[in-house]
PDB file of N, CA and C in Angstrom:
ATOM      1  N   UNK A   1      -9.992  13.142 -36.756  1.00  0.00           N
ATOM      2  CA  UNK A   1     -10.553  12.389 -35.878  1.00  0.00           C
ATOM      3  C   UNK A   1      -9.683  11.833 -34.727  1.00  0.00           C
ATOM      4  N   UNK A   2      -8.850  11.352 -35.611  1.00  0.00           N
ATOM      5  CA  UNK A   2      -8.010  10.826 -33.809  1.00  0.00           C
ATOM      6  C   UNK A   2      -7.784  11.678 -32.653  1.00  0.00           C
ATOM      7  N   UNK A   3      -7.687  12.665 -33.184  1.00  0.00           N
ATOM      8  CA  UNK A   3      -7.452  13.517 -32.259  1.00  0.00           C
ATOM      9  C   UNK A   3      -8.492  13.920 -31.598  1.00  0.00           C
ATOM     10  N   UNK A   4      -9.660  13.450 -32.424  1.00  0.00           N
ATOM     11  CA  UNK A   4     -10.870  14.054 -31.474  1.00  0.00           C
ATOM     12  C   UNK A   4     -10.959  12.816 -30.895  1.00  0.00           C
ATOM     13  N   UNK A   5     -10.897  11.331 -30.922  1.00  0.00           N
ATOM     14  CA  UNK A   5     -11.760  10.038 -30.319  1.00  0.00           C
ATOM     15  C   UNK A   5     -10.166  11.062 -29.105  1.00  0.00           C
ATOM     16  N   UNK A   6      -9.209  11.428 -29.424  1.00  0.00           N
ATOM     17  CA  UNK A   6      -8.405  11.037 -28.352  1.00  0.00           C
ATOM     18  C   UNK A   6      -8.197  12.208 -26.745  1.00  0.00           C
ATOM     19  N   UNK A   7      -8.986  13.730 -27.589  1.00  0.00           N
ATOM     20  CA  UNK A   7      -9.592  14.424 -26.290  1.00  0.00           C
ATOM     21  C   UNK A   7     -10.629  13.854 -25.967  1.00  0.00           C
ATOM     22  N   UNK A   8     -11.642  13.388 -26.769  1.00  0.00           N
ATOM     23  CA  UNK A   8     -13.076  12.570 -25.505  1.00  0.00           C
ATOM     24  C   UNK A   8     -12.617  12.003 -24.553  1.00  0.00           C
ATOM     25  N   UNK A   9     -11.260  10.965 -25.071  1.00  0.00           N
ATOM     26  CA  UNK A   9     -11.213   9.806 -24.092  1.00  0.00           C
ATOM     27  C   UNK A   9     -10.108  10.506 -22.903  1.00  0.00           C
ATOM     28  N   UNK A  10      -9.328  11.857 -23.398  1.00  0.00           N
ATOM     29  CA  UNK A  10      -8.784  12.633 -22.047  1.00  0.00           C
ATOM     30  C   UNK A  10      -9.612  13.301 -21.674  1.00  0.00           C
ATOM     31  N   UNK A  11     -10.628  13.539 -21.872  1.00  0.00           N
ATOM     32  CA  UNK A  11     -11.839  14.653 -21.237  1.00  0.00           C
ATOM     33  C   UNK A  11     -12.583  13.328 -19.975  1.00  0.00           C
ATOM     34  N   UNK A  12     -12.888  12.408 -20.557  1.00  0.00           N
ATOM     35  CA  UNK A  12     -13.516  11.204 -19.537  1.00  0.00           C
ATOM     36  C   UNK A  12     -12.591  11.060 -18.705  1.00  0.00           C
ATOM     37  N   UNK A  13     -11.408  10.658 -18.368  1.00  0.00           N
ATOM     38  CA  UNK A  13     -10.050  10.008 -17.920  1.00  0.00           C
ATOM     39  C   UNK A  13      -9.819  11.193 -16.930  1.00  0.00           C
ATOM     40  N   UNK A  14      -9.958  12.850 -17.396  1.00  0.00           N
ATOM     41  CA  UNK A  14     -10.004  13.974 -16.087  1.00  0.00           C
ATOM     42  C   UNK A  14     -11.086  14.284 -15.370  1.00  0.00           C
ATOM     43  N   UNK A  15     -12.332  14.022 -15.816  1.00  0.00           N
ATOM     44  CA  UNK A  15     -13.642  14.140 -15.612  1.00  0.00           C
ATOM     45  C   UNK A  15     -13.774  13.075 -14.242  1.00  0.00           C
ATOM     46  N   UNK A  16     -13.423  11.895 -14.611  1.00  0.00           N
ATOM     47  CA  UNK A  16     -13.717  10.742 -13.630  1.00  0.00           C
ATOM     48  C   UNK A  16     -12.556   9.935 -12.834  1.00  0.00           C
ATOM     49  N   UNK A  17     -12.101   9.999 -13.612  1.00  0.00           N
ATOM     50  CA  UNK A  17     -10.751   9.346 -12.508  1.00  0.00           C
ATOM     51  C   UNK A  17      -9.482  10.331 -12.082  1.00  0.00           C
ATOM     52  N   UNK A  18      -9.211  11.327 -12.827  1.00  0.00           N
ATOM     53  CA  UNK A  18      -8.071  12.022 -12.441  1.00  0.00           C
ATOM     54  C   UNK A  18      -8.783  13.328 -11.763  1.00  0.00           C
ATOM     55  N   UNK A  19      -8.633  13.286 -10.562  1.00  0.00           N
ATOM     56  CA  UNK A  19      -9.149  14.968 -10.227  1.00  0.00           C
ATOM     57  C   UNK A  19      -7.641  15.127  -8.277  1.00  0.00           C
ATOM     58  N   UNK A  20      -6.975  14.644  -9.293  1.00  0.00           N
ATOM     59  CA  UNK A  20      -5.449  15.114  -8.619  1.00  0.00           C
ATOM     60  C   UNK A  20      -6.096  14.045  -7.255  1.00  0.00           C
ATOM     61  N   UNK A  21      -5.017  14.070  -6.294  1.00  0.00           N
ATOM     62  CA  UNK A  21      -4.890  13.838  -5.089  1.00  0.00           C
ATOM     63  C   UNK A  21      -6.366  13.681  -4.168  1.00  0.00           C
ATOM     64  N   UNK A  22      -7.125  12.202  -4.377  1.00  0.00           N
ATOM     65  CA  UNK A  22      -7.841  12.411  -3.379  1.00  0.00           C
ATOM     66  C   UNK A  22      -8.272  12.241  -1.711  1.00  0.00           C
ATOM     67  N   UNK A  23      -7.334  11.693  -1.397  1.00  0.00           N
ATOM     68  CA  UNK A  23      -7.152  11.002  -0.156  1.00  0.00           C
ATOM     69  C   UNK A  23      -5.661  10.881   0.684  1.00  0.00           C
ATOM     70  N   UNK A  24      -5.606  10.921   1.810  1.00  0.00           N
ATOM     71  CA  UNK A  24      -3.875  10.611   2.219  1.00  0.00           C
ATOM     72  C   UNK A  24      -3.824   9.320   2.454  1.00  0.00           C
ATOM     73  N   UNK A  25      -2.903   8.636   3.087  1.00  0.00           N
ATOM     74  CA  UNK A  25      -2.165   7.416   3.027  1.00  0.00           C
ATOM     75  C   UNK A  25      -3.081   6.527   4.574  1.00  0.00           C
ATOM     76  N   UNK A  26      -3.038   7.869   5.566  1.00  0.00           N
ATOM     77  CA  UNK A  26      -3.900   7.412   6.799  1.00  0.00           C
ATOM     78  C   UNK A  26      -5.345   7.292   6.152  1.00  0.00           C
ATOM     79  N   UNK A  27      -5.854   8.158   4.792  1.00  0.00           N
ATOM     80  CA  UNK A  27      -7.618   6.999   4.813  1.00  0.00           C
ATOM     81  C   UNK A  27      -7.403   5.630   4.535  1.00  0.00           C
ATOM     82  N   UNK A  28      -6.095   5.410   3.888  1.00  0.00           N
ATOM     83  CA  UNK A  28      -6.233   3.581   2.772  1.00  0.00           C
ATOM     84  C   UNK A  28      -5.816   3.067   3.675  1.00  0.00           C
ATOM     85  N   UNK A  29      -4.750   3.243   5.034  1.00  0.00           N
ATOM     86  CA  UNK A  29      -3.912   2.367   5.449  1.00  0.00           C
ATOM     87  C   UNK A  29      -4.229   0.863   5.879  1.00  0.00           C
ATOM     88  N   UNK A  30      -5.470   1.148   6.009  1.00  0.00           N
ATOM     89  CA  UNK A  30      -6.197  -0.033   7.124  1.00  0.00           C
ATOM     90  C   UNK A  30      -7.495  -1.108   5.946  1.00  0.00           C
ATOM     91  N   UNK A  31      -7.107  -1.030   4.694  1.00  0.00           N
ATOM     92  CA  UNK A  31      -7.427  -1.439   3.301  1.00  0.00           C
ATOM     93  C   UNK A  31      -6.647  -2.702   3.442  1.00  0.00           C
ATOM     94  N   UNK A  32      -6.638  -3.478   2.682  1.00  0.00           N
ATOM     95  CA  UNK A  32      -5.696  -4.549   2.335  1.00  0.00           C
ATOM     96  C   UNK A  32      -5.007  -4.369   0.777  1.00  0.00           C
ATOM     97  N   UNK A  33      -3.949  -4.855   0.918  1.00  0.00           N
ATOM     98  CA  UNK A  33      -2.972  -3.799  -0.162  1.00  0.00           C
ATOM     99  C   UNK A  33      -3.115  -3.878  -1.140  1.00  0.00           C
ATOM    100  N   UNK A  34      -3.863  -4.717  -1.842  1.00  0.00           N
ATOM    101  CA  UNK A  34      -4.606  -4.762  -3.489  1.00  0.00           C
ATOM    102  C   UNK A  34      -5.313  -3.279  -3.279  1.00  0.00           C
ATOM    103  N   UNK A  35      -6.799  -3.051  -2.591  1.00  0.00           N
ATOM    104  CA  UNK A  35      -7.306  -2.468  -3.016  1.00  0.00           C
ATOM    105  C   UNK A  35      -6.440  -0.811  -2.717  1.00  0.00           C
ATOM    106  N   UNK A  36      -5.164  -0.460  -1.653  1.00  0.00           N
ATOM    107  CA  UNK A  36      -4.817   0.482  -1.608  1.00  0.00           C
ATOM    108  C   UNK A  36      -3.862   0.615  -2.527  1.00  0.00           C
ATOM    109  N   UNK A  37      -3.540  -0.213  -3.467  1.00  0.00           N
ATOM    110  CA  UNK A  37      -2.935  -0.093  -5.159  1.00  0.00           C
ATOM    111  C   UNK A  37      -3.785   0.550  -6.201  1.00  0.00           C
ATOM    112  N   UNK A  38      -4.693  -0.322  -5.498  1.00  0.00           N
ATOM    113  CA  UNK A  38      -5.981  -0.032  -6.480  1.00  0.00           C
ATOM    114  C   UNK A  38      -6.269   1.417  -6.114  1.00  0.00           C
ATOM    115  N   UNK A  39      -6.790   2.229  -5.668  1.00  0.00           N
ATOM    116  CA  UNK A  39      -6.776   3.333  -5.281  1.00  0.00           C
ATOM    117  C   UNK A  39      -6.098   4.488  -5.852  1.00  0.00           C
ATOM    118  N   UNK A  40      -4.569   3.603  -5.353  1.00  0.00           N
ATOM    119  CA  UNK A  40      -3.492   4.842  -5.868  1.00  0.00           C
ATOM    120  C   UNK A  40      -3.837   4.736  -7.187  1.00  0.00           C
ATOM    121  N   UNK A  41      -3.965   3.952  -8.126  1.00  0.00           N
ATOM    122  CA  UNK A  41      -3.787   4.047  -9.394  1.00  0.00           C
ATOM    123  C   UNK A  41      -5.308   5.119  -9.491  1.00  0.00           C
ATOM    124  N   UNK A  42      -5.762   4.956  -9.291  1.00  0.00           N
ATOM    125  CA  UNK A  42      -7.509   5.270  -9.811  1.00  0.00           C
ATOM    126  C   UNK A  42      -8.102   4.576 -10.505  1.00  0.00           C
ATOM    127  N   UNK A  43      -7.848   3.197  -9.618  1.00  0.00           N
ATOM    128  CA  UNK A  43      -8.803   2.047 -10.283  1.00  0.00           C
ATOM    129  C   UNK A  43      -9.538   1.509  -9.605  1.00  0.00           C
ATOM    130  N   UNK A  44     -11.296   0.904 -10.163  1.00  0.00           N
ATOM    131  CA  UNK A  44     -11.729  -0.020  -9.845  1.00  0.00           C
ATOM    132  C   UNK A  44     -12.402  -1.012  -9.784  1.00  0.00           C
ATOM    133  N   UNK A  45     -12.499  -1.945  -8.637  1.00  0.00           N
ATOM    134  CA  UNK A  45     -13.005  -3.540  -8.936  1.00  0.00           C
ATOM    135  C   UNK A  45     -14.258  -3.941  -8.390  1.00  0.00           C
ATOM    136  N   UNK A  46     -15.015  -4.713  -8.347  1.00  0.00           N
ATOM    137  CA  UNK A  46     -16.518  -5.238  -8.271  1.00  0.00           C
ATOM    138  C   UNK A  46     -15.641  -5.785  -6.783  1.00  0.00           C
ATOM    139  N   UNK A  47     -16.308  -5.428  -6.246  1.00  0.00           N
ATOM    140  CA  UNK A  47     -16.166  -6.079  -4.650  1.00  0.00           C
ATOM    141  C   UNK A  47     -15.662  -4.394  -3.403  1.00  0.00           C
ATOM    142  N   UNK A  48     -15.400  -3.766  -4.099  1.00  0.00           N
ATOM    143  CA  UNK A  48     -14.749  -2.396  -3.546  1.00  0.00           C
ATOM    144  C   UNK A  48     -16.045  -1.947  -2.614  1.00  0.00           C
ATOM    145  N   UNK A  49     -15.864  -1.423  -1.536  1.00  0.00           N
ATOM    146  CA  UNK A  49     -17.048  -0.460  -1.147  1.00  0.00           C
ATOM    147  C   UNK A  49     -17.476   0.960  -1.740  1.00  0.00           C
ATOM    148  N   UNK A  50     -18.195   2.442  -1.505  1.00  0.00           N
ATOM    149  CA  UNK A  50     -18.534   3.422  -1.892  1.00  0.00           C
ATOM    150  C   UNK A  50     -17.456   4.209  -1.875  1.00  0.00           C
ATOM    151  N   UNK A  51     -16.749   4.042  -0.360  1.00  0.00           N
ATOM    152  CA  UNK A  51     -15.982   4.930   0.135  1.00  0.00           C
ATOM    153  C   UNK A  51     -14.209   4.847  -0.580  1.00  0.00           C
ATOM    154  N   UNK A  52     -14.417   3.687  -1.199  1.00  0.00           N
ATOM    155  CA  UNK A  52     -12.717   3.132  -2.041  1.00  0.00           C
ATOM    156  C   UNK A  52     -13.347   3.705  -3.150  1.00  0.00           C
ATOM    157  N   UNK A  53     -14.474   3.851  -3.971  1.00  0.00           N
ATOM    158  CA  UNK A  53     -14.529   4.055  -4.771  1.00  0.00           C
ATOM    159  C   UNK A  53     -14.416   5.080  -4.972  1.00  0.00           C
ATOM    160  N   UNK A  54     -14.582   5.767  -4.557  1.00  0.00           N
ATOM    161  CA  UNK A  54     -14.693   7.687  -4.214  1.00  0.00           C
ATOM    162  C   UNK A  54     -13.506   7.973  -3.513  1.00  0.00           C
ATOM    163  N   UNK A  55     -12.529   7.271  -2.849  1.00  0.00           N
ATOM    164  CA  UNK A  55     -11.475   7.927  -3.069  1.00  0.00           C
ATOM    165  C   UNK A  55     -10.341   7.241  -4.454  1.00  0.00           C
ATOM    166  N   UNK A  56     -10.396   6.157  -5.013  1.00  0.00           N
ATOM    167  CA  UNK A  56     -10.500   5.887  -6.472  1.00  0.00           C
ATOM    168  C   UNK A  56     -10.366   6.896  -7.830  1.00  0.00           C
ATOM    169  N   UNK A  57     -11.631   6.743  -7.442  1.00  0.00           N
ATOM    170  CA  UNK A  57     -12.692   8.036  -8.988  1.00  0.00           C
ATOM    171  C   UNK A  57     -12.956   9.216  -8.506  1.00  0.00           C
ATOM    172  N   UNK A  58     -12.652   9.780  -7.309  1.00  0.00           N
ATOM    173  CA  UNK A  58     -13.271  10.748  -6.617  1.00  0.00           C
ATOM    174  C   UNK A  58     -15.331  11.190  -6.721  1.00  0.00           C
ATOM    175  N   UNK A  59     -15.421  11.957  -5.955  1.00  0.00           N
ATOM    176  CA  UNK A  59     -17.384  11.971  -6.221  1.00  0.00           C
ATOM    177  C   UNK A  59     -17.939  11.591  -7.762  1.00  0.00           C
ATOM    178  N   UNK A  60     -19.120  10.837  -8.044  1.00  0.00           N
ATOM    179  CA  UNK A  60     -19.717  10.741  -9.057  1.00  0.00           C
ATOM    180  C   UNK A  60     -20.472  11.621  -9.455  1.00  0.00           C
ATOM    181  N   UNK A  61     -20.684  11.805 -11.076  1.00  0.00           N
ATOM    182  CA  UNK A  61     -21.237  12.697 -11.451  1.00  0.00           C
ATOM    183  C   UNK A  61     -23.125  13.331 -10.750  1.00  0.00           C
ATOM    184  N   UNK A  62     -23.331  11.831 -10.384  1.00  0.00           N
ATOM    185  CA  UNK A  62     -24.976  11.798  -9.774  1.00  0.00           C
ATOM    186  C   UNK A  62     -24.654  10.823  -8.987  1.00  0.00           C
ATOM    187  N   UNK A  63     -25.987  10.783  -7.799  1.00  0.00           N
ATOM    188  CA  UNK A  63     -25.787   9.143  -7.679  1.00  0.00           C
ATOM    189  C   UNK A  63     -27.603   9.431  -7.200  1.00  0.00           C
ATOM    190  N   UNK A  64     -27.915   8.594  -7.117  1.00  0.00           N
ATOM    191  CA  UNK A  64     -29.612   7.939  -7.336  1.00  0.00           C
ATOM    192  C   UNK A  64     -29.623   6.420  -6.260  1.00  0.00           C
ATOM    193  N   UNK A  65     -30.619   6.402  -5.592  1.00  0.00           N
ATOM    194  CA  UNK A  65     -31.084   5.437  -4.435  1.00  0.00           C
ATOM    195  C   UNK A  65     -32.061   5.068  -5.705  1.00  0.00           C
ATOM    196  N   UNK A  66     -32.286   3.291  -5.922  1.00  0.00           N
ATOM    197  CA  UNK A  66     -32.755   2.359  -6.225  1.00  0.00           C
ATOM    198  C   UNK A  66     -33.857   1.712  -5.868  1.00  0.00           C
ATOM    199  N   UNK A  67     -34.501   0.887  -5.975  1.00  0.00           N
ATOM    200  CA  UNK A  67     -35.535   0.657  -5.558  1.00  0.00           C
ATOM    201  C   UNK A  67     -34.417  -0.770  -5.041  1.00  0.00           C
ATOM    202  N   UNK A  68     -35.207  -1.419  -3.774  1.00  0.00           N
ATOM    203  CA  UNK A  68     -34.230  -2.632  -3.359  1.00  0.00           C
ATOM    204  C   UNK A  68     -34.720  -3.581  -4.032  1.00  0.00           C
ATOM    205  N   UNK A  69     -34.087  -4.935  -3.800  1.00  0.00           N
ATOM    206  CA  UNK A  69     -34.444  -5.890  -4.796  1.00  0.00           C
ATOM    207  C   UNK A  69     -34.064  -7.203  -4.006  1.00  0.00           C
ATOM    208  N   UNK A  70     -34.431  -8.400  -3.160  1.00  0.00           N
ATOM    209  CA  UNK A  70     -34.793  -8.955  -3.175  1.00  0.00           C
ATOM    210  C   UNK A  70     -33.778  -8.687  -1.858  1.00  0.00           C
ATOM    211  N   UNK A  71     -34.542  -7.386  -0.351  1.00  0.00           N
ATOM    212  CA  UNK A  71     -34.300  -6.500   0.485  1.00  0.00           C
ATOM    213  C   UNK A  71     -33.285  -6.150   0.725  1.00  0.00           C
ATOM    214  N   UNK A  72     -32.026  -5.789  -0.302  1.00  0.00           N
ATOM    215  CA  UNK A  72     -30.964  -5.404  -0.260  1.00  0.00           C
ATOM    216  C   UNK A  72     -30.962  -4.408  -0.988  1.00  0.00           C
ATOM    217  N   UNK A  73     -30.250  -3.532   0.206  1.00  0.00           N
ATOM    218  CA  UNK A  73     -30.240  -1.671  -0.666  1.00  0.00           C
ATOM    219  C   UNK A  73     -28.997  -1.853  -1.947  1.00  0.00           C
ATOM    220  N   UNK A  74     -29.474  -0.793  -2.957  1.00  0.00           N
ATOM    221  CA  UNK A  74     -28.925  -0.851  -4.071  1.00  0.00           C
ATOM    222  C   UNK A  74     -29.046   0.749  -4.568  1.00  0.00           C
ATOM    223  N   UNK A  75     -27.557   1.270  -5.401  1.00  0.00           N
ATOM    224  CA  UNK A  75     -27.988   2.037  -5.271  1.00  0.00           C
ATOM    225  C   UNK A  75     -26.521   2.521  -6.772  1.00  0.00           C
ATOM    226  N   UNK A  76     -27.049   3.740  -7.641  1.00  0.00           N
ATOM    227  CA  UNK A  76     -26.254   3.534  -8.919  1.00  0.00           C
ATOM    228  C   UNK A  76     -25.647   5.435  -8.650  1.00  0.00           C
ATOM    229  N   UNK A  77     -24.348   4.815  -9.324  1.00  0.00           N
ATOM    230  CA  UNK A  77     -23.564   5.665  -9.374  1.00  0.00           C
ATOM    231  C   UNK A  77     -23.246   6.440 -10.300  1.00  0.00           C
ATOM    232  N   UNK A  78     -23.435   7.583 -11.088  1.00  0.00           N
ATOM    233  CA  UNK A  78     -22.822   7.742 -12.608  1.00  0.00           C
ATOM    234  C   UNK A  78     -21.395   8.904 -12.775  1.00  0.00           C
ATOM    235  N   UNK A  79     -20.890   8.250 -13.548  1.00  0.00           N
ATOM    236  CA  UNK A  79     -19.448   8.791 -13.684  1.00  0.00           C
ATOM    237  C   UNK A  79     -19.419   9.208 -15.663  1.00  0.00           C
ATOM    238  N   UNK A  80     -19.739  10.897 -15.688  1.00  0.00           N
ATOM    239  CA  UNK A  80     -19.361  11.416 -16.908  1.00  0.00           C
ATOM    240  C   UNK A  80     -18.194  12.156 -17.186  1.00  0.00           C
ATOM    241  N   UNK A  81     -17.687  11.888 -18.587  1.00  0.00           N
ATOM    242  CA  UNK A  81     -17.041  13.406 -18.850  1.00  0.00           C
ATOM    243  C   UNK A  81     -17.393  14.334 -18.740  1.00  0.00           C
ATOM    244  N   UNK A  82     -16.781  15.401 -19.352  1.00  0.00           N
ATOM    245  CA  UNK A  82     -17.018  16.822 -19.180  1.00  0.00           C
ATOM    246  C   UNK A  82     -18.200  17.236 -20.018  1.00  0.00           C
ATOM    247  N   UNK A  83     -18.129  16.280 -21.217  1.00  0.00           N
ATOM    248  CA  UNK A  83     -19.077  16.681 -22.517  1.00  0.00           C
ATOM    249  C   UNK A  83     -20.525  16.107 -22.081  1.00  0.00           C
ATOM    250  N   UNK A  84     -20.238  14.748 -21.201  1.00  0.00           N
ATOM    251  CA  UNK A  84     -21.845  14.013 -20.725  1.00  0.00           C
ATOM    252  C   UNK A  84     -21.842  12.812 -21.734  1.00  0.00           C
ATOM    253  N   UNK A  85     -20.596  12.579 -22.718  1.00  0.00           N
ATOM    254  CA  UNK A  85     -20.522  11.290 -23.564  1.00  0.00           C
ATOM    255  C   UNK A  85     -20.084  10.180 -22.921  1.00  0.00           C
ATOM    256  N   UNK A  86     -19.235  10.327 -22.265  1.00  0.00           N
ATOM    257  CA  UNK A  86     -18.140   9.143 -21.956  1.00  0.00           C
ATOM    258  C   UNK A  86     -19.504   8.411 -20.335  1.00  0.00           C
ATOM    259  N   UNK A  87     -19.946   7.550 -20.339  1.00  0.00           N
ATOM    260  CA  UNK A  87     -20.052   7.799 -19.073  1.00  0.00           C
ATOM    261  C   UNK A  87     -19.837   6.126 -18.315  1.00  0.00           C
ATOM    262  N   UNK A  88     -19.616   5.776 -16.989  1.00  0.00           N
ATOM    263  CA  UNK A  88     -19.566   4.791 -16.522  1.00  0.00           C
ATOM    264  C   UNK A  88     -20.563   5.229 -15.569  1.00  0.00           C
ATOM    265  N   UNK A  89     -21.748   3.703 -15.439  1.00  0.00           N
ATOM    266  CA  UNK A  89     -22.341   3.397 -14.280  1.00  0.00           C
ATOM    267  C   UNK A  89     -21.686   2.492 -13.660  1.00  0.00           C
ATOM    268  N   UNK A  90     -22.375   2.870 -11.890  1.00  0.00           N
ATOM    269  CA  UNK A  90     -21.693   1.382 -10.851  1.00  0.00           C
ATOM    270  C   UNK A  90     -22.815   1.443 -10.586  1.00  0.00           C
ATOM    271  N   UNK A  91     -23.297   0.200  -9.917  1.00  0.00           N
ATOM    272  CA  UNK A  91     -24.099  -0.401  -9.212  1.00  0.00           C
ATOM    273  C   UNK A  91     -23.848  -0.883  -7.845  1.00  0.00           C
ATOM    274  N   UNK A  92     -23.709  -0.350  -6.910  1.00  0.00           N
ATOM    275  CA  UNK A  92     -23.731  -0.464  -5.648  1.00  0.00           C
ATOM    276  C   UNK A  92     -24.844  -1.866  -4.819  1.00  0.00           C
ATOM    277  N   UNK A  93     -24.570  -2.793  -4.282  1.00  0.00           N
ATOM    278  CA  UNK A  93     -25.579  -3.319  -3.840  1.00  0.00           C
ATOM    279  C   UNK A  93     -25.475  -4.261  -2.075  1.00  0.00           C
ATOM    280  N   UNK A  94     -25.843  -3.005  -1.212  1.00  0.00           N
ATOM    281  CA  UNK A  94     -25.547  -3.411   0.006  1.00  0.00           C
ATOM    282  C   UNK A  94     -24.605  -2.855   0.449  1.00  0.00           C
ATOM    283  N   UNK A  95     -23.503  -2.333  -0.713  1.00  0.00           N
ATOM    284  CA  UNK A  95     -22.545  -1.353   0.093  1.00  0.00           C
ATOM    285  C   UNK A  95     -21.649  -1.442  -1.299  1.00  0.00           C
ATOM    286  N   UNK A  96     -21.521  -2.324  -1.830  1.00  0.00           N
ATOM    287  CA  UNK A  96     -20.416  -2.840  -2.250  1.00  0.00           C
ATOM    288  C   UNK A  96     -20.913  -2.476  -4.340  1.00  0.00           C
ATOM    289  N   UNK A  97     -19.609  -2.898  -4.410  1.00  0.00           N
ATOM    290  CA  UNK A  97     -19.616  -3.158  -6.128  1.00  0.00           C
ATOM    291  C   UNK A  97     -19.476  -3.720  -6.942  1.00  0.00           C
ATOM    292  N   UNK A  98     -21.270  -4.242  -7.103  1.00  0.00           N
ATOM    293  CA  UNK A  98     -21.805  -5.453  -8.061  1.00  0.00           C
ATOM    294  C   UNK A  98     -21.298  -5.026  -9.742  1.00  0.00           C
ATOM    295  N   UNK A  99     -21.861  -4.338  -9.683  1.00  0.00           N
ATOM    296  CA  UNK A  99     -22.299  -3.967 -11.663  1.00  0.00           C
ATOM    297  C   UNK A  99     -21.150  -2.737 -12.075  1.00  0.00           C
ATOM    298  N   UNK A 100     -20.071  -2.614 -13.290  1.00  0.00           N
ATOM    299  CA  UNK A 100     -19.962  -1.863 -13.514  1.00  0.00           C
ATOM    300  C   UNK A 100     -20.367  -2.001 -15.170  1.00  0.00           C
ATOM    301  N   UNK A 101     -20.542  -1.003 -15.395  1.00  0.00           N
ATOM    302  CA  UNK A 101     -21.402  -0.552 -16.943  1.00  0.00           C
ATOM    303  C   UNK A 101     -21.204   0.211 -17.544  1.00  0.00           C
ATOM    304  N   UNK A 102     -20.189   0.189 -18.677  1.00  0.00           N
ATOM    305  CA  UNK A 102     -19.670   1.544 -18.911  1.00  0.00           C
ATOM    306  C   UNK A 102     -19.697   1.591 -20.820  1.00  0.00           C
ATOM    307  N   UNK A 103     -20.475   2.610 -21.285  1.00  0.00           N
ATOM    308  CA  UNK A 103     -20.588   3.100 -23.195  1.00  0.00           C
ATOM    309  C   UNK A 103     -19.512   2.598 -23.656  1.00  0.00           C
ATOM    310  N   UNK A 104     -18.135   2.083 -23.000  1.00  0.00           N
ATOM    311  CA  UNK A 104     -17.011   2.107 -23.976  1.00  0.00           C
ATOM    312  C   UNK A 104     -17.195   0.095 -23.805  1.00  0.00           C
ATOM    313  N   UNK A 105     -18.138  -0.110 -23.990  1.00  0.00           N
ATOM    314  CA  UNK A 105     -18.851  -1.287 -25.066  1.00  0.00           C
ATOM    315  C   UNK A 105     -18.080  -2.814 -23.807  1.00  0.00           C
ATOM    316  N   UNK A 106     -17.868  -2.439 -22.577  1.00  0.00           N
ATOM    317  CA  UNK A 106     -17.661  -3.439 -21.772  1.00  0.00           C
ATOM    318  C   UNK A 106     -18.857  -3.498 -20.036  1.00  0.00           C
ATOM    319  N   UNK A 107     -19.093  -4.309 -20.010  1.00  0.00           N
ATOM    320  CA  UNK A 107     -20.149  -4.793 -18.628  1.00  0.00           C
ATOM    321  C   UNK A 107     -19.488  -5.791 -17.686  1.00  0.00           C
ATOM    322  N   UNK A 108     -19.326  -5.628 -16.758  1.00  0.00           N
ATOM    323  CA  UNK A 108     -18.602  -6.020 -15.680  1.00  0.00           C
ATOM    324  C   UNK A 108     -20.406  -6.552 -14.663  1.00  0.00           C
ATOM    325  N   UNK A 109     -20.096  -7.276 -14.240  1.00  0.00           N
ATOM    326  CA  UNK A 109     -21.546  -7.521 -12.781  1.00  0.00           C
ATOM    327  C   UNK A 109     -20.680  -9.290 -12.421  1.00  0.00           C
ATOM    328  N   UNK A 110     -21.732  -9.405 -11.190  1.00  0.00           N
ATOM    329  CA  UNK A 110     -21.479 -10.770 -10.102  1.00  0.00           C
ATOM    330  C   UNK A 110     -22.741 -11.218 -10.026  1.00  0.00           C
ATOM    331  N   UNK A 111     -22.478 -12.286  -9.672  1.00  0.00           N
ATOM    332  CA  UNK A 111     -23.950 -12.623  -9.617  1.00  0.00           C
ATOM    333  C   UNK A 111     -23.888 -12.785  -7.948  1.00  0.00           C
TER     334      UNK A 111
END
């Protein structure tokens, strides 16, 4: 069972965030140092732009434009493991990462 869980975790990481180097230094040098560090580590954080998230995690499995809310554009990106079991949904509002919803029992958001 431990092997199966480890395998699923590895597939999720490989499928979502470990697609090799996804950027060049020239593409990230204009970002603040903390954002450059997150991108280099394959990490994301609330407030990041769609471009920054794409550089950190690669292309999402799917993208869906959501109905605008209070005049703000909304977009959902889904990152899935190779088997589609583990998922992270990212919600961007006006181009900024505002919600991270993961079936790893972790929900993060800001108002």
